[in-house]
Amino acid sequence: MGGGPFFTLDGVQRRTGVQLPSSDYVFGCSSEEDLNKYFNGVKDIPIECKVVVRNVPDEMAVITGDQVMFPKHIVRG
């Protein structure tokens, strides 16, 4: 786990504080439209969350269904 509205980059569940195993990868969507579809109907998204657009090289992106997985170092820089 790592990053997003429900988990920190270190794998901590934002609402409960429970630590889950961390990963070297983060997940996102390939477009803002896909992101909106993903969150359509999702309740209780933390208000401090914001949309971030990242340019991920194609060779580092792995498409997994409706999401894109990429190395966490891209986020942490």
C-alpha atoms as a PDB file:
ATOM      1  CA  MET A   1       0.000   0.000   0.000  1.00  0.00           C
ATOM      2  CA  GLY A   2       1.101   3.539  -0.427  1.00  0.00           C
ATOM      3  CA  GLY A   3      -0.310   6.901  -1.275  1.00  0.00           C
ATOM      4  CA  GLY A   4      -3.715   8.228  -2.193  1.00  0.00           C
ATOM      5  CA  PRO A   5      -6.828   9.283  -0.351  1.00  0.00           C
ATOM      6  CA  PHE A   6      -6.984   6.209   1.896  1.00  0.00           C
ATOM      7  CA  PHE A   7      -3.311   5.431   2.662  1.00  0.00           C
ATOM      8  CA  THR A   8      -0.150   7.464   3.197  1.00  0.00           C
ATOM      9  CA  LEU A   9       2.939   6.731   1.093  1.00  0.00           C
ATOM     10  CA  ASP A  10       4.217   4.667   4.039  1.00  0.00           C
ATOM     11  CA  GLY A  11       1.143   2.387   4.055  1.00  0.00           C
ATOM     12  CA  VAL A  12      -0.721   3.908   7.018  1.00  0.00           C
ATOM     13  CA  GLN A  13      -4.519   3.853   6.673  1.00  0.00           C
ATOM     14  CA  ARG A  14      -5.496   7.531   7.030  1.00  0.00           C
ATOM     15  CA  ARG A  15      -8.701   6.992   9.038  1.00  0.00           C
ATOM     16  CA  THR A  16      -7.532   4.308  11.459  1.00  0.00           C
ATOM     17  CA  GLY A  17      -3.767   4.789  11.615  1.00  0.00           C
ATOM     18  CA  VAL A  18      -3.258   1.069  10.979  1.00  0.00           C
ATOM     19  CA  GLN A  19       0.077   0.297   9.324  1.00  0.00           C
ATOM     20  CA  LEU A  20      -0.068  -2.093   6.374  1.00  0.00           C
ATOM     21  CA  PRO A  21       2.912  -3.487   4.482  1.00  0.00           C
ATOM     22  CA  SER A  22       4.433  -0.758   2.355  1.00  0.00           C
ATOM     23  CA  SER A  23       5.170  -1.150  -1.330  1.00  0.00           C
ATOM     24  CA  ASP A  24       7.691   0.284  -3.755  1.00  0.00           C
ATOM     25  CA  TYR A  25       4.811   1.229  -6.053  1.00  0.00           C
ATOM     26  CA  VAL A  26       1.902   3.666  -6.034  1.00  0.00           C
ATOM     27  CA  PHE A  27      -1.327   3.567  -7.990  1.00  0.00           C
ATOM     28  CA  GLY A  28      -3.107   6.201 -10.003  1.00  0.00           C
ATOM     29  CA  CYS A  29      -5.337   6.653 -13.019  1.00  0.00           C
ATOM     30  CA  SER A  30      -4.243   7.371 -16.556  1.00  0.00           C
ATOM     31  CA  SER A  31      -6.546  10.374 -16.961  1.00  0.00           C
ATOM     32  CA  GLU A  32      -8.653  12.771 -14.919  1.00  0.00           C
ATOM     33  CA  GLU A  33     -11.732  11.208 -16.521  1.00  0.00           C
ATOM     34  CA  ASP A  34     -10.647   7.760 -15.282  1.00  0.00           C
ATOM     35  CA  LEU A  35     -10.028   9.227 -11.830  1.00  0.00           C
ATOM     36  CA  ASN A  36     -13.536  10.685 -11.725  1.00  0.00           C
ATOM     37  CA  LYS A  37     -14.981   7.319 -12.762  1.00  0.00           C
ATOM     38  CA  TYR A  38     -12.923   5.592 -10.054  1.00  0.00           C
ATOM     39  CA  PHE A  39     -14.267   7.893  -7.344  1.00  0.00           C
ATOM     40  CA  ASN A  40     -17.839   8.004  -8.631  1.00  0.00           C
ATOM     41  CA  GLY A  41     -19.928   6.820  -5.709  1.00  0.00           C
ATOM     42  CA  VAL A  42     -16.999   6.566  -3.265  1.00  0.00           C
ATOM     43  CA  LYS A  43     -17.943   8.046   0.082  1.00  0.00           C
ATOM     44  CA  ASP A  44     -15.845   9.628   2.799  1.00  0.00           C
ATOM     45  CA  ILE A  45     -12.902  10.809   0.718  1.00  0.00           C
ATOM     46  CA  PRO A  46     -10.724  12.827   3.130  1.00  0.00           C
ATOM     47  CA  ILE A  47     -11.178  16.552   2.470  1.00  0.00           C
ATOM     48  CA  GLU A  48      -7.422  17.189   2.486  1.00  0.00           C
ATOM     49  CA  CYS A  49      -6.969  15.094  -0.673  1.00  0.00           C
ATOM     50  CA  LYS A  50      -6.177  16.775  -3.961  1.00  0.00           C
ATOM     51  CA  VAL A  51      -5.648  15.712  -7.556  1.00  0.00           C
ATOM     52  CA  VAL A  52      -2.006  15.543  -8.611  1.00  0.00           C
ATOM     53  CA  VAL A  53      -0.943  15.041 -12.225  1.00  0.00           C
ATOM     54  CA  ARG A  54       2.345  13.247 -12.781  1.00  0.00           C
ATOM     55  CA  ASN A  55       4.174  12.516 -16.006  1.00  0.00           C
ATOM     56  CA  VAL A  56       5.272   8.894 -15.746  1.00  0.00           C
ATOM     57  CA  PRO A  57       7.471   7.464 -18.503  1.00  0.00           C
ATOM     58  CA  ASP A  58       5.632   4.699 -20.375  1.00  0.00           C
ATOM     59  CA  GLU A  59       8.373   2.196 -19.579  1.00  0.00           C
ATOM     60  CA  MET A  60       7.794   2.733 -15.831  1.00  0.00           C
ATOM     61  CA  ALA A  61       3.987   2.463 -15.926  1.00  0.00           C
ATOM     62  CA  VAL A  62       2.139  -0.816 -15.499  1.00  0.00           C
ATOM     63  CA  ILE A  63      -1.551  -0.747 -16.409  1.00  0.00           C
ATOM     64  CA  THR A  64      -3.608  -2.848 -13.995  1.00  0.00           C
ATOM     65  CA  GLY A  65      -7.237  -2.746 -15.062  1.00  0.00           C
ATOM     66  CA  ASP A  66      -8.516   0.788 -14.477  1.00  0.00           C
ATOM     67  CA  GLN A  67      -5.385   1.926 -12.654  1.00  0.00           C
ATOM     68  CA  VAL A  68      -1.748   2.624 -13.429  1.00  0.00           C
ATOM     69  CA  MET A  69       0.999   1.368 -11.131  1.00  0.00           C
ATOM     70  CA  PHE A  70       4.375   3.123 -11.081  1.00  0.00           C
ATOM     71  CA  PRO A  71       7.492   3.248  -8.870  1.00  0.00           C
ATOM     72  CA  LYS A  72       7.084   5.234  -5.661  1.00  0.00           C
ATOM     73  CA  HIS A  73      10.411   7.043  -6.190  1.00  0.00           C
ATOM     74  CA  ILE A  74       8.676   9.129  -8.879  1.00  0.00           C
ATOM     75  CA  VAL A  75       6.462  10.591  -6.140  1.00  0.00           C
ATOM     76  CA  ARG A  76       9.180  11.001  -3.547  1.00  0.00           C
ATOM     77  CA  GLY A  77      11.742  12.344  -6.015  1.00  0.00           C
END
